[in-house]
Amino acid sequence: TRAGTGRRTRPRRETRARARERAQVPAGELAHGEKRALELAIALAMRPKILLLDEPMAGTGREETARLIAVLRRLKGRFSVVLVEHDMTAVFALADRISVLLYGRILATGTTAAVRA
């Protein structure tokens, strides 16, 4: 379990084993969520100071979205992330600050709690 939360987390060993198992699959044959995870891994390999993610949850199912959110949460604090996303559940789960845009105009900006209220 994750310390203090009582929630179970997938052991890193299992995650690494799955990555090794899928490493031989051509990128074009990966499931959509796996492609998103691969894109994120490629971006992270460059050790960016700022990570710009444009709709990383688009086209992913609930399970894939939950996995991506978990990965992004683990990365939090290591570098700045600019997230463009329509999935507000993901936004609220990940963001410290939010700007809501409509047709290029800022409707609201502030902390997650302030924008949510």
PDB file of N, CA and C in Angstrom:
ATOM      1  N   THR A   1       0.840  -1.186   0.000  1.00  0.00           N
ATOM      2  CA  THR A   1       0.000   0.000   0.000  1.00  0.00           C
ATOM      3  C   THR A   1       0.875   1.236   0.000  1.00  0.00           C
ATOM      4  N   ARG A   2       0.328   2.311  -0.537  1.00  0.00           N
ATOM      5  CA  ARG A   2       1.038   3.592  -0.512  1.00  0.00           C
ATOM      6  C   ARG A   2       1.025   4.084   0.929  1.00  0.00           C
ATOM      7  N   ALA A   3       2.172   4.509   1.426  1.00  0.00           N
ATOM      8  CA  ALA A   3       2.316   4.924   2.819  1.00  0.00           C
ATOM      9  C   ALA A   3       1.244   5.917   3.240  1.00  0.00           C
ATOM     10  N   GLY A   4       0.518   5.553   4.290  1.00  0.00           N
ATOM     11  CA  GLY A   4      -0.445   6.476   4.876  1.00  0.00           C
ATOM     12  C   GLY A   4      -1.784   6.583   4.168  1.00  0.00           C
ATOM     13  N   THR A   5      -1.948   5.939   3.007  1.00  0.00           N
ATOM     14  CA  THR A   5      -3.208   6.101   2.286  1.00  0.00           C
ATOM     15  C   THR A   5      -4.068   4.854   2.325  1.00  0.00           C
ATOM     16  N   GLY A   6      -3.455   3.707   2.555  1.00  0.00           N
ATOM     17  CA  GLY A   6      -4.217   2.473   2.535  1.00  0.00           C
ATOM     18  C   GLY A   6      -4.567   2.017   1.125  1.00  0.00           C
ATOM     19  N   ARG A   7      -4.136   2.769   0.108  1.00  0.00           N
ATOM     20  CA  ARG A   7      -4.438   2.396  -1.280  1.00  0.00           C
ATOM     21  C   ARG A   7      -3.314   1.523  -1.825  1.00  0.00           C
ATOM     22  N   ARG A   8      -3.696   0.539  -2.605  1.00  0.00           N
ATOM     23  CA  ARG A   8      -2.704  -0.329  -3.229  1.00  0.00           C
ATOM     24  C   ARG A   8      -2.160   0.346  -4.478  1.00  0.00           C
ATOM     25  N   THR A   9      -0.886   0.163  -4.721  1.00  0.00           N
ATOM     26  CA  THR A   9      -0.272   0.681  -5.936  1.00  0.00           C
ATOM     27  C   THR A   9       0.377  -0.474  -6.666  1.00  0.00           C
ATOM     28  N   ARG A  10       0.474  -0.357  -7.971  1.00  0.00           N
ATOM     29  CA  ARG A  10       1.116  -1.394  -8.764  1.00  0.00           C
ATOM     30  C   ARG A  10       2.617  -1.345  -8.480  1.00  0.00           C
ATOM     31  N   PRO A  11       3.189  -2.474  -8.097  1.00  0.00           N
ATOM     32  CA  PRO A  11       4.623  -2.475  -7.836  1.00  0.00           C
ATOM     33  C   PRO A  11       5.406  -2.091  -9.091  1.00  0.00           C
ATOM     34  N   ARG A  12       6.481  -1.356  -8.893  1.00  0.00           N
ATOM     35  CA  ARG A  12       7.303  -0.923 -10.026  1.00  0.00           C
ATOM     36  C   ARG A  12       7.813  -2.114 -10.820  1.00  0.00           C
ATOM     37  N   ARG A  13       8.111  -3.199 -10.137  1.00  0.00           N
ATOM     38  CA  ARG A  13       8.608  -4.398 -10.808  1.00  0.00           C
ATOM     39  C   ARG A  13       7.600  -4.879 -11.858  1.00  0.00           C
ATOM     40  N   GLU A  14       6.331  -4.895 -11.502  1.00  0.00           N
ATOM     41  CA  GLU A  14       5.283  -5.327 -12.426  1.00  0.00           C
ATOM     42  C   GLU A  14       5.169  -4.357 -13.604  1.00  0.00           C
ATOM     43  N   THR A  15       5.271  -3.068 -13.326  1.00  0.00           N
ATOM     44  CA  THR A  15       5.199  -2.058 -14.381  1.00  0.00           C
ATOM     45  C   THR A  15       6.363  -2.217 -15.341  1.00  0.00           C
ATOM     46  N   ARG A  16       7.559  -2.414 -14.795  1.00  0.00           N
ATOM     47  CA  ARG A  16       8.741  -2.604 -15.647  1.00  0.00           C
ATOM     48  C   ARG A  16       8.625  -3.877 -16.471  1.00  0.00           C
ATOM     49  N   ALA A  17       8.100  -4.942 -15.868  1.00  0.00           N
ATOM     50  CA  ALA A  17       7.935  -6.201 -16.594  1.00  0.00           C
ATOM     51  C   ALA A  17       6.989  -6.008 -17.768  1.00  0.00           C
ATOM     52  N   ARG A  18       5.910  -5.273 -17.566  1.00  0.00           N
ATOM     53  CA  ARG A  18       4.963  -5.015 -18.661  1.00  0.00           C
ATOM     54  C   ARG A  18       5.634  -4.193 -19.756  1.00  0.00           C
ATOM     55  N   ALA A  19       6.441  -3.213 -19.380  1.00  0.00           N
ATOM     56  CA  ALA A  19       7.136  -2.386 -20.369  1.00  0.00           C
ATOM     57  C   ALA A  19       8.097  -3.242 -21.189  1.00  0.00           C
ATOM     58  N   ARG A  20       8.836  -4.130 -20.530  1.00  0.00           N
ATOM     59  CA  ARG A  20       9.759  -5.016 -21.264  1.00  0.00           C
ATOM     60  C   ARG A  20       8.993  -5.927 -22.210  1.00  0.00           C
ATOM     61  N   GLU A  21       7.871  -6.431 -21.752  1.00  0.00           N
ATOM     62  CA  GLU A  21       7.047  -7.345 -22.541  1.00  0.00           C
ATOM     63  C   GLU A  21       6.500  -6.650 -23.797  1.00  0.00           C
ATOM     64  N   ARG A  22       6.168  -5.367 -23.692  1.00  0.00           N
ATOM     65  CA  ARG A  22       5.592  -4.624 -24.816  1.00  0.00           C
ATOM     66  C   ARG A  22       6.656  -3.939 -25.672  1.00  0.00           C
ATOM     67  N   ALA A  23       7.925  -3.993 -25.250  1.00  0.00           N
ATOM     68  CA  ALA A  23       9.001  -3.274 -25.942  1.00  0.00           C
ATOM     69  C   ALA A  23       9.197  -3.741 -27.382  1.00  0.00           C
ATOM     70  N   GLN A  24       8.873  -4.982 -27.667  1.00  0.00           N
ATOM     71  CA  GLN A  24       9.083  -5.517 -29.015  1.00  0.00           C
ATOM     72  C   GLN A  24       7.902  -5.257 -29.953  1.00  0.00           C
ATOM     73  N   VAL A  25       6.828  -4.703 -29.424  1.00  0.00           N
ATOM     74  CA  VAL A  25       5.642  -4.418 -30.235  1.00  0.00           C
ATOM     75  C   VAL A  25       5.866  -3.101 -30.975  1.00  0.00           C
ATOM     76  N   PRO A  26       5.701  -3.090 -32.310  1.00  0.00           N
ATOM     77  CA  PRO A  26       5.849  -1.825 -33.049  1.00  0.00           C
ATOM     78  C   PRO A  26       4.869  -0.774 -32.514  1.00  0.00           C
ATOM     79  N   ALA A  27       5.314   0.468 -32.441  1.00  0.00           N
ATOM     80  CA  ALA A  27       4.499   1.548 -31.874  1.00  0.00           C
ATOM     81  C   ALA A  27       3.128   1.636 -32.534  1.00  0.00           C
ATOM     82  N   GLY A  28       3.054   1.400 -33.830  1.00  0.00           N
ATOM     83  CA  GLY A  28       1.782   1.476 -34.547  1.00  0.00           C
ATOM     84  C   GLY A  28       0.776   0.421 -34.122  1.00  0.00           C
ATOM     85  N   GLU A  29       1.246  -0.637 -33.472  1.00  0.00           N
ATOM     86  CA  GLU A  29       0.360  -1.719 -33.041  1.00  0.00           C
ATOM     87  C   GLU A  29      -0.050  -1.603 -31.568  1.00  0.00           C
ATOM     88  N   LEU A  30       0.478  -0.617 -30.873  1.00  0.00           N
ATOM     89  CA  LEU A  30       0.120  -0.433 -29.467  1.00  0.00           C
ATOM     90  C   LEU A  30      -1.301   0.105 -29.344  1.00  0.00           C
ATOM     91  N   ALA A  31      -1.939  -0.200 -28.230  1.00  0.00           N
ATOM     92  CA  ALA A  31      -3.253   0.376 -27.934  1.00  0.00           C
ATOM     93  C   ALA A  31      -3.069   1.877 -27.735  1.00  0.00           C
ATOM     94  N   HIS A  32      -4.152   2.628 -27.893  1.00  0.00           N
ATOM     95  CA  HIS A  32      -4.070   4.089 -27.822  1.00  0.00           C
ATOM     96  C   HIS A  32      -3.424   4.568 -26.519  1.00  0.00           C
ATOM     97  N   GLY A  33      -3.848   4.016 -25.401  1.00  0.00           N
ATOM     98  CA  GLY A  33      -3.284   4.412 -24.113  1.00  0.00           C
ATOM     99  C   GLY A  33      -1.810   4.071 -24.005  1.00  0.00           C
ATOM    100  N   GLU A  34      -1.422   2.947 -24.598  1.00  0.00           N
ATOM    101  CA  GLU A  34      -0.008   2.565 -24.595  1.00  0.00           C
ATOM    102  C   GLU A  34       0.806   3.533 -25.446  1.00  0.00           C
ATOM    103  N   LYS A  35       0.220   4.008 -26.543  1.00  0.00           N
ATOM    104  CA  LYS A  35       0.905   5.008 -27.376  1.00  0.00           C
ATOM    105  C   LYS A  35       1.110   6.296 -26.588  1.00  0.00           C
ATOM    106  N   ARG A  36       0.097   6.690 -25.828  1.00  0.00           N
ATOM    107  CA  ARG A  36       0.213   7.903 -25.010  1.00  0.00           C
ATOM    108  C   ARG A  36       1.324   7.733 -23.979  1.00  0.00           C
ATOM    109  N   ALA A  37       1.387   6.557 -23.356  1.00  0.00           N
ATOM    110  CA  ALA A  37       2.435   6.290 -22.367  1.00  0.00           C
ATOM    111  C   ALA A  37       3.813   6.314 -23.027  1.00  0.00           C
ATOM    112  N   LEU A  38       3.913   5.775 -24.238  1.00  0.00           N
ATOM    113  CA  LEU A  38       5.175   5.794 -24.981  1.00  0.00           C
ATOM    114  C   LEU A  38       5.586   7.227 -25.308  1.00  0.00           C
ATOM    115  N   GLU A  39       4.629   8.031 -25.759  1.00  0.00           N
ATOM    116  CA  GLU A  39       4.919   9.442 -26.063  1.00  0.00           C
ATOM    117  C   GLU A  39       5.441  10.165 -24.822  1.00  0.00           C
ATOM    118  N   LEU A  40       4.826   9.894 -23.686  1.00  0.00           N
ATOM    119  CA  LEU A  40       5.257  10.517 -22.439  1.00  0.00           C
ATOM    120  C   LEU A  40       6.668  10.051 -22.070  1.00  0.00           C
ATOM    121  N   ALA A  41       6.930   8.758 -22.224  1.00  0.00           N
ATOM    122  CA  ALA A  41       8.259   8.222 -21.916  1.00  0.00           C
ATOM    123  C   ALA A  41       9.329   8.854 -22.804  1.00  0.00           C
ATOM    124  N   ILE A  42       9.020   9.035 -24.082  1.00  0.00           N
ATOM    125  CA  ILE A  42       9.969   9.666 -25.005  1.00  0.00           C
ATOM    126  C   ILE A  42      10.242  11.099 -24.570  1.00  0.00           C
ATOM    127  N   ALA A  43       9.194  11.820 -24.219  1.00  0.00           N
ATOM    128  CA  ALA A  43       9.365  13.207 -23.767  1.00  0.00           C
ATOM    129  C   ALA A  43      10.201  13.259 -22.492  1.00  0.00           C
ATOM    130  N   LEU A  44       9.943  12.358 -21.562  1.00  0.00           N
ATOM    131  CA  LEU A  44      10.673  12.346 -20.292  1.00  0.00           C
ATOM    132  C   LEU A  44      12.137  11.964 -20.481  1.00  0.00           C
ATOM    133  N   ALA A  45      12.423  11.149 -21.487  1.00  0.00           N
ATOM    134  CA  ALA A  45      13.806  10.747 -21.759  1.00  0.00           C
ATOM    135  C   ALA A  45      14.679  11.945 -22.112  1.00  0.00           C
ATOM    136  N   MET A  46      14.056  13.016 -22.585  1.00  0.00           N
ATOM    137  CA  MET A  46      14.797  14.229 -22.942  1.00  0.00           C
ATOM    138  C   MET A  46      15.093  15.100 -21.718  1.00  0.00           C
ATOM    139  N   ARG A  47      14.607  14.681 -20.541  1.00  0.00           N
ATOM    140  CA  ARG A  47      14.794  15.416 -19.282  1.00  0.00           C
ATOM    141  C   ARG A  47      14.410  16.893 -19.419  1.00  0.00           C
ATOM    142  N   PRO A  48      13.165  17.149 -19.781  1.00  0.00           N
ATOM    143  CA  PRO A  48      12.745  18.539 -19.989  1.00  0.00           C
ATOM    144  C   PRO A  48      12.615  19.305 -18.673  1.00  0.00           C
ATOM    145  N   LYS A  49      12.751  20.604 -18.752  1.00  0.00           N
ATOM    146  CA  LYS A  49      12.489  21.454 -17.587  1.00  0.00           C
ATOM    147  C   LYS A  49      10.995  21.727 -17.499  1.00  0.00           C
ATOM    148  N   ILE A  50      10.366  21.824 -18.669  1.00  0.00           N
ATOM    149  CA  ILE A  50       8.921  22.045 -18.766  1.00  0.00           C
ATOM    150  C   ILE A  50       8.353  20.977 -19.691  1.00  0.00           C
ATOM    151  N   LEU A  51       7.273  20.357 -19.264  1.00  0.00           N
ATOM    152  CA  LEU A  51       6.613  19.339 -20.064  1.00  0.00           C
ATOM    153  C   LEU A  51       5.274  19.898 -20.529  1.00  0.00           C
ATOM    154  N   LEU A  52       5.081  20.013 -21.823  1.00  0.00           N
ATOM    155  CA  LEU A  52       3.830  20.509 -22.398  1.00  0.00           C
ATOM    156  C   LEU A  52       3.029  19.316 -22.891  1.00  0.00           C
ATOM    157  N   LEU A  53       1.869  19.107 -22.300  1.00  0.00           N
ATOM    158  CA  LEU A  53       1.012  17.976 -22.652  1.00  0.00           C
ATOM    159  C   LEU A  53      -0.280  18.496 -23.258  1.00  0.00           C
ATOM    160  N   ASP A  54      -0.514  18.144 -24.504  1.00  0.00           N
ATOM    161  CA  ASP A  54      -1.707  18.582 -25.221  1.00  0.00           C
ATOM    162  C   ASP A  54      -2.683  17.420 -25.319  1.00  0.00           C
ATOM    163  N   GLU A  55      -3.727  17.469 -24.509  1.00  0.00           N
ATOM    164  CA  GLU A  55      -4.783  16.451 -24.492  1.00  0.00           C
ATOM    165  C   GLU A  55      -4.239  15.031 -24.287  1.00  0.00           C
ATOM    166  N   PRO A  56      -3.444  14.801 -23.251  1.00  0.00           N
ATOM    167  CA  PRO A  56      -2.896  13.456 -23.067  1.00  0.00           C
ATOM    168  C   PRO A  56      -3.958  12.394 -22.767  1.00  0.00           C
ATOM    169  N   MET A  57      -5.124  12.801 -22.276  1.00  0.00           N
ATOM    170  CA  MET A  57      -6.180  11.838 -21.943  1.00  0.00           C
ATOM    171  C   MET A  57      -7.127  11.570 -23.118  1.00  0.00           C
ATOM    172  N   ALA A  58      -6.996  12.326 -24.194  1.00  0.00           N
ATOM    173  CA  ALA A  58      -7.915  12.195 -25.332  1.00  0.00           C
ATOM    174  C   ALA A  58      -7.889  10.774 -25.890  1.00  0.00           C
ATOM    175  N   GLY A  59      -9.058  10.192 -26.003  1.00  0.00           N
ATOM    176  CA  GLY A  59      -9.191   8.871 -26.601  1.00  0.00           C
ATOM    177  C   GLY A  59      -8.809   7.719 -25.696  1.00  0.00           C
ATOM    178  N   THR A  60      -8.520   8.002 -24.435  1.00  0.00           N
ATOM    179  CA  THR A  60      -8.166   6.919 -23.522  1.00  0.00           C
ATOM    180  C   THR A  60      -9.388   6.511 -22.714  1.00  0.00           C
ATOM    181  N   GLY A  61      -9.429   5.251 -22.339  1.00  0.00           N
ATOM    182  CA  GLY A  61     -10.504   4.741 -21.498  1.00  0.00           C
ATOM    183  C   GLY A  61     -10.248   5.086 -20.045  1.00  0.00           C
ATOM    184  N   ARG A  62     -11.187   4.710 -19.189  1.00  0.00           N
ATOM    185  CA  ARG A  62     -11.070   5.026 -17.760  1.00  0.00           C
ATOM    186  C   ARG A  62      -9.790   4.485 -17.139  1.00  0.00           C
ATOM    187  N   GLU A  63      -9.496   3.228 -17.441  1.00  0.00           N
ATOM    188  CA  GLU A  63      -8.312   2.597 -16.856  1.00  0.00           C
ATOM    189  C   GLU A  63      -7.028   3.265 -17.352  1.00  0.00           C
ATOM    190  N   GLU A  64      -6.965   3.539 -18.648  1.00  0.00           N
ATOM    191  CA  GLU A  64      -5.782   4.202 -19.212  1.00  0.00           C
ATOM    192  C   GLU A  64      -5.628   5.611 -18.644  1.00  0.00           C
ATOM    193  N   THR A  65      -6.750   6.327 -18.522  1.00  0.00           N
ATOM    194  CA  THR A  65      -6.719   7.677 -17.953  1.00  0.00           C
ATOM    195  C   THR A  65      -6.213   7.630 -16.519  1.00  0.00           C
ATOM    196  N   ALA A  66      -6.715   6.692 -15.736  1.00  0.00           N
ATOM    197  CA  ALA A  66      -6.277   6.558 -14.340  1.00  0.00           C
ATOM    198  C   ALA A  66      -4.782   6.274 -14.272  1.00  0.00           C
ATOM    199  N   ARG A  67      -4.287   5.432 -15.182  1.00  0.00           N
ATOM    200  CA  ARG A  67      -2.850   5.128 -15.212  1.00  0.00           C
ATOM    201  C   ARG A  67      -2.033   6.367 -15.543  1.00  0.00           C
ATOM    202  N   LEU A  68      -2.473   7.132 -16.543  1.00  0.00           N
ATOM    203  CA  LEU A  68      -1.756   8.352 -16.919  1.00  0.00           C
ATOM    204  C   LEU A  68      -1.769   9.375 -15.786  1.00  0.00           C
ATOM    205  N   ILE A  69      -2.910   9.520 -15.128  1.00  0.00           N
ATOM    206  CA  ILE A  69      -2.992  10.445 -13.990  1.00  0.00           C
ATOM    207  C   ILE A  69      -2.011  10.015 -12.902  1.00  0.00           C
ATOM    208  N   ALA A  70      -1.947   8.711 -12.618  1.00  0.00           N
ATOM    209  CA  ALA A  70      -1.026   8.211 -11.591  1.00  0.00           C
ATOM    210  C   ALA A  70       0.425   8.510 -11.961  1.00  0.00           C
ATOM    211  N   VAL A  71       0.775   8.311 -13.217  1.00  0.00           N
ATOM    212  CA  VAL A  71       2.144   8.598 -13.677  1.00  0.00           C
ATOM    213  C   VAL A  71       2.444  10.084 -13.525  1.00  0.00           C
ATOM    214  N   LEU A  72       1.521  10.926 -13.969  1.00  0.00           N
ATOM    215  CA  LEU A  72       1.740  12.373 -13.898  1.00  0.00           C
ATOM    216  C   LEU A  72       1.816  12.856 -12.450  1.00  0.00           C
ATOM    217  N   ARG A  73       1.058  12.245 -11.564  1.00  0.00           N
ATOM    218  CA  ARG A  73       1.138  12.611 -10.139  1.00  0.00           C
ATOM    219  C   ARG A  73       2.520  12.297  -9.577  1.00  0.00           C
ATOM    220  N   ARG A  74       3.070  11.136  -9.982  1.00  0.00           N
ATOM    221  CA  ARG A  74       4.405  10.766  -9.499  1.00  0.00           C
ATOM    222  C   ARG A  74       5.468  11.734 -10.003  1.00  0.00           C
ATOM    223  N   LEU A  75       5.236  12.336 -11.155  1.00  0.00           N
ATOM    224  CA  LEU A  75       6.203  13.265 -11.742  1.00  0.00           C
ATOM    225  C   LEU A  75       6.093  14.664 -11.152  1.00  0.00           C
ATOM    226  N   LYS A  76       4.978  14.933 -10.499  1.00  0.00           N
ATOM    227  CA  LYS A  76       4.711  16.271  -9.962  1.00  0.00           C
ATOM    228  C   LYS A  76       5.853  16.736  -9.061  1.00  0.00           C
ATOM    229  N   GLY A  77       6.265  17.965  -9.267  1.00  0.00           N
ATOM    230  CA  GLY A  77       7.326  18.537  -8.461  1.00  0.00           C
ATOM    231  C   GLY A  77       8.716  18.357  -9.050  1.00  0.00           C
ATOM    232  N   ARG A  78       8.852  17.437 -10.000  1.00  0.00           N
ATOM    233  CA  ARG A  78      10.167  17.239 -10.621  1.00  0.00           C
ATOM    234  C   ARG A  78      10.434  18.264 -11.709  1.00  0.00           C
ATOM    235  N   PHE A  79       9.381  18.754 -12.335  1.00  0.00           N
ATOM    236  CA  PHE A  79       9.482  19.804 -13.336  1.00  0.00           C
ATOM    237  C   PHE A  79       8.111  20.385 -13.575  1.00  0.00           C
ATOM    238  N   SER A  80       8.070  21.511 -14.266  1.00  0.00           N
ATOM    239  CA  SER A  80       6.800  22.188 -14.536  1.00  0.00           C
ATOM    240  C   SER A  80       6.052  21.468 -15.647  1.00  0.00           C
ATOM    241  N   VAL A  81       4.738  21.399 -15.495  1.00  0.00           N
ATOM    242  CA  VAL A  81       3.892  20.768 -16.508  1.00  0.00           C
ATOM    243  C   VAL A  81       2.824  21.769 -16.928  1.00  0.00           C
ATOM    244  N   VAL A  82       2.697  21.961 -18.230  1.00  0.00           N
ATOM    245  CA  VAL A  82       1.598  22.740 -18.792  1.00  0.00           C
ATOM    246  C   VAL A  82       0.680  21.708 -19.431  1.00  0.00           C
ATOM    247  N   LEU A  83      -0.541  21.635 -18.935  1.00  0.00           N
ATOM    248  CA  LEU A  83      -1.496  20.620 -19.360  1.00  0.00           C
ATOM    249  C   LEU A  83      -2.671  21.285 -20.054  1.00  0.00           C
ATOM    250  N   VAL A  84      -2.907  20.911 -21.304  1.00  0.00           N
ATOM    251  CA  VAL A  84      -4.094  21.348 -22.039  1.00  0.00           C
ATOM    252  C   VAL A  84      -4.999  20.123 -22.071  1.00  0.00           C
ATOM    253  N   GLU A  85      -6.168  20.224 -21.446  1.00  0.00           N
ATOM    254  CA  GLU A  85      -6.999  19.031 -21.288  1.00  0.00           C
ATOM    255  C   GLU A  85      -8.466  19.398 -21.132  1.00  0.00           C
ATOM    256  N   HIS A  86      -9.343  18.602 -21.780  1.00  0.00           N
ATOM    257  CA  HIS A  86     -10.786  18.787 -21.637  1.00  0.00           C
ATOM    258  C   HIS A  86     -11.364  17.926 -20.515  1.00  0.00           C
ATOM    259  N   ASP A  87     -10.644  16.882 -20.116  1.00  0.00           N
ATOM    260  CA  ASP A  87     -11.109  15.988 -19.061  1.00  0.00           C
ATOM    261  C   ASP A  87     -10.886  16.678 -17.715  1.00  0.00           C
ATOM    262  N   MET A  88     -11.936  17.306 -17.217  1.00  0.00           N
ATOM    263  CA  MET A  88     -11.807  18.106 -16.000  1.00  0.00           C
ATOM    264  C   MET A  88     -11.507  17.258 -14.772  1.00  0.00           C
ATOM    265  N   THR A  89     -11.904  15.999 -14.776  1.00  0.00           N
ATOM    266  CA  THR A  89     -11.540  15.115 -13.672  1.00  0.00           C
ATOM    267  C   THR A  89     -10.026  15.000 -13.599  1.00  0.00           C
ATOM    268  N   ALA A  90      -9.392  14.820 -14.749  1.00  0.00           N
ATOM    269  CA  ALA A  90      -7.926  14.741 -14.804  1.00  0.00           C
ATOM    270  C   ALA A  90      -7.302  16.074 -14.406  1.00  0.00           C
ATOM    271  N   VAL A  91      -7.865  17.166 -14.900  1.00  0.00           N
ATOM    272  CA  VAL A  91      -7.334  18.495 -14.579  1.00  0.00           C
ATOM    273  C   VAL A  91      -7.372  18.725 -13.073  1.00  0.00           C
ATOM    274  N   PHE A  92      -8.521  18.469 -12.451  1.00  0.00           N
ATOM    275  CA  PHE A  92      -8.651  18.696 -11.012  1.00  0.00           C
ATOM    276  C   PHE A  92      -7.756  17.750 -10.206  1.00  0.00           C
ATOM    277  N   ALA A  93      -7.502  16.561 -10.736  1.00  0.00           N
ATOM    278  CA  ALA A  93      -6.638  15.603 -10.043  1.00  0.00           C
ATOM    279  C   ALA A  93      -5.168  16.000 -10.112  1.00  0.00           C
ATOM    280  N   LEU A  94      -4.789  16.765 -11.136  1.00  0.00           N
ATOM    281  CA  LEU A  94      -3.372  17.048 -11.372  1.00  0.00           C
ATOM    282  C   LEU A  94      -2.931  18.483 -11.119  1.00  0.00           C
ATOM    283  N   ALA A  95      -3.803  19.428 -11.363  1.00  0.00           N
ATOM    284  CA  ALA A  95      -3.375  20.833 -11.405  1.00  0.00           C
ATOM    285  C   ALA A  95      -3.300  21.495 -10.038  1.00  0.00           C
ATOM    286  N   ASP A  96      -2.339  22.394  -9.905  1.00  0.00           N
ATOM    287  CA  ASP A  96      -2.264  23.284  -8.745  1.00  0.00           C
ATOM    288  C   ASP A  96      -2.963  24.595  -9.081  1.00  0.00           C
ATOM    289  N   ARG A  97      -2.778  25.028 -10.331  1.00  0.00           N
ATOM    290  CA  ARG A  97      -3.406  26.258 -10.833  1.00  0.00           C
ATOM    291  C   ARG A  97      -4.040  25.940 -12.180  1.00  0.00           C
ATOM    292  N   ILE A  98      -5.160  26.616 -12.451  1.00  0.00           N
ATOM    293  CA  ILE A  98      -5.920  26.364 -13.674  1.00  0.00           C
ATOM    294  C   ILE A  98      -6.282  27.686 -14.332  1.00  0.00           C
ATOM    295  N   SER A  99      -6.242  27.682 -15.652  1.00  0.00           N
ATOM    296  CA  SER A  99      -6.833  28.772 -16.439  1.00  0.00           C
ATOM    297  C   SER A  99      -7.846  28.121 -17.365  1.00  0.00           C
ATOM    298  N   VAL A 100      -9.079  28.596 -17.325  1.00  0.00           N
ATOM    299  CA  VAL A 100     -10.147  28.069 -18.172  1.00  0.00           C
ATOM    300  C   VAL A 100     -10.316  29.021 -19.342  1.00  0.00           C
ATOM    301  N   LEU A 101     -10.210  28.471 -20.553  1.00  0.00           N
ATOM    302  CA  LEU A 101     -10.343  29.287 -21.757  1.00  0.00           C
ATOM    303  C   LEU A 101     -11.580  28.884 -22.544  1.00  0.00           C
ATOM    304  N   LEU A 102     -12.188  29.848 -23.198  1.00  0.00           N
ATOM    305  CA  LEU A 102     -13.302  29.607 -24.103  1.00  0.00           C
ATOM    306  C   LEU A 102     -13.061  30.464 -25.331  1.00  0.00           C
ATOM    307  N   TYR A 103     -12.870  29.807 -26.459  1.00  0.00           N
ATOM    308  CA  TYR A 103     -12.583  30.505 -27.717  1.00  0.00           C
ATOM    309  C   TYR A 103     -11.423  31.487 -27.568  1.00  0.00           C
ATOM    310  N   GLY A 104     -10.371  31.035 -26.859  1.00  0.00           N
ATOM    311  CA  GLY A 104      -9.171  31.844 -26.722  1.00  0.00           C
ATOM    312  C   GLY A 104      -9.213  32.915 -25.651  1.00  0.00           C
ATOM    313  N   ARG A 105     -10.321  33.042 -24.963  1.00  0.00           N
ATOM    314  CA  ARG A 105     -10.433  34.052 -23.895  1.00  0.00           C
ATOM    315  C   ARG A 105     -10.405  33.364 -22.535  1.00  0.00           C
ATOM    316  N   ILE A 106      -9.683  33.961 -21.596  1.00  0.00           N
ATOM    317  CA  ILE A 106      -9.597  33.400 -20.248  1.00  0.00           C
ATOM    318  C   ILE A 106     -10.876  33.734 -19.484  1.00  0.00           C
ATOM    319  N   LEU A 107     -11.579  32.683 -19.051  1.00  0.00           N
ATOM    320  CA  LEU A 107     -12.804  32.863 -18.263  1.00  0.00           C
ATOM    321  C   LEU A 107     -12.506  32.902 -16.773  1.00  0.00           C
ATOM    322  N   ALA A 108     -11.544  32.089 -16.354  1.00  0.00           N
ATOM    323  CA  ALA A 108     -11.194  32.016 -14.935  1.00  0.00           C
ATOM    324  C   ALA A 108      -9.759  31.539 -14.815  1.00  0.00           C
ATOM    325  N   THR A 109      -9.111  31.988 -13.779  1.00  0.00           N
ATOM    326  CA  THR A 109      -7.757  31.511 -13.485  1.00  0.00           C
ATOM    327  C   THR A 109      -7.544  31.564 -11.985  1.00  0.00           C
ATOM    328  N   GLY A 110      -6.834  30.593 -11.457  1.00  0.00           N
ATOM    329  CA  GLY A 110      -6.574  30.554 -10.025  1.00  0.00           C
ATOM    330  C   GLY A 110      -6.241  29.156  -9.568  1.00  0.00           C
ATOM    331  N   THR A 111      -6.310  28.956  -8.258  1.00  0.00           N
ATOM    332  CA  THR A 111      -6.056  27.625  -7.718  1.00  0.00           C
ATOM    333  C   THR A 111      -7.171  26.689  -8.165  1.00  0.00           C
ATOM    334  N   THR A 112      -6.902  25.417  -8.068  1.00  0.00           N
ATOM    335  CA  THR A 112      -7.908  24.421  -8.442  1.00  0.00           C
ATOM    336  C   THR A 112      -9.185  24.627  -7.635  1.00  0.00           C
ATOM    337  N   ALA A 113      -9.047  24.826  -6.332  1.00  0.00           N
ATOM    338  CA  ALA A 113     -10.221  25.021  -5.464  1.00  0.00           C
ATOM    339  C   ALA A 113     -10.998  26.268  -5.847  1.00  0.00           C
ATOM    340  N   ALA A 114     -10.295  27.354  -6.144  1.00  0.00           N
ATOM    341  CA  ALA A 114     -10.967  28.613  -6.490  1.00  0.00           C
ATOM    342  C   ALA A 114     -11.717  28.495  -7.811  1.00  0.00           C
ATOM    343  N   VAL A 115     -11.113  27.865  -8.787  1.00  0.00           N
ATOM    344  CA  VAL A 115     -11.761  27.728 -10.098  1.00  0.00           C
ATOM    345  C   VAL A 115     -12.928  26.757 -10.009  1.00  0.00           C
ATOM    346  N   ARG A 116     -12.772  25.734  -9.217  1.00  0.00           N
ATOM    347  CA  ARG A 116     -13.828  24.730  -9.068  1.00  0.00           C
ATOM    348  C   ARG A 116     -15.064  25.317  -8.393  1.00  0.00           C
ATOM    349  N   ALA A 117     -14.868  26.278  -7.503  1.00  0.00           N
ATOM    350  CA  ALA A 117     -15.977  26.876  -6.743  1.00  0.00           C
ATOM    351  C   ALA A 117     -16.789  27.749  -7.597  1.00  0.00           C
TER     352      ALA A 117
END
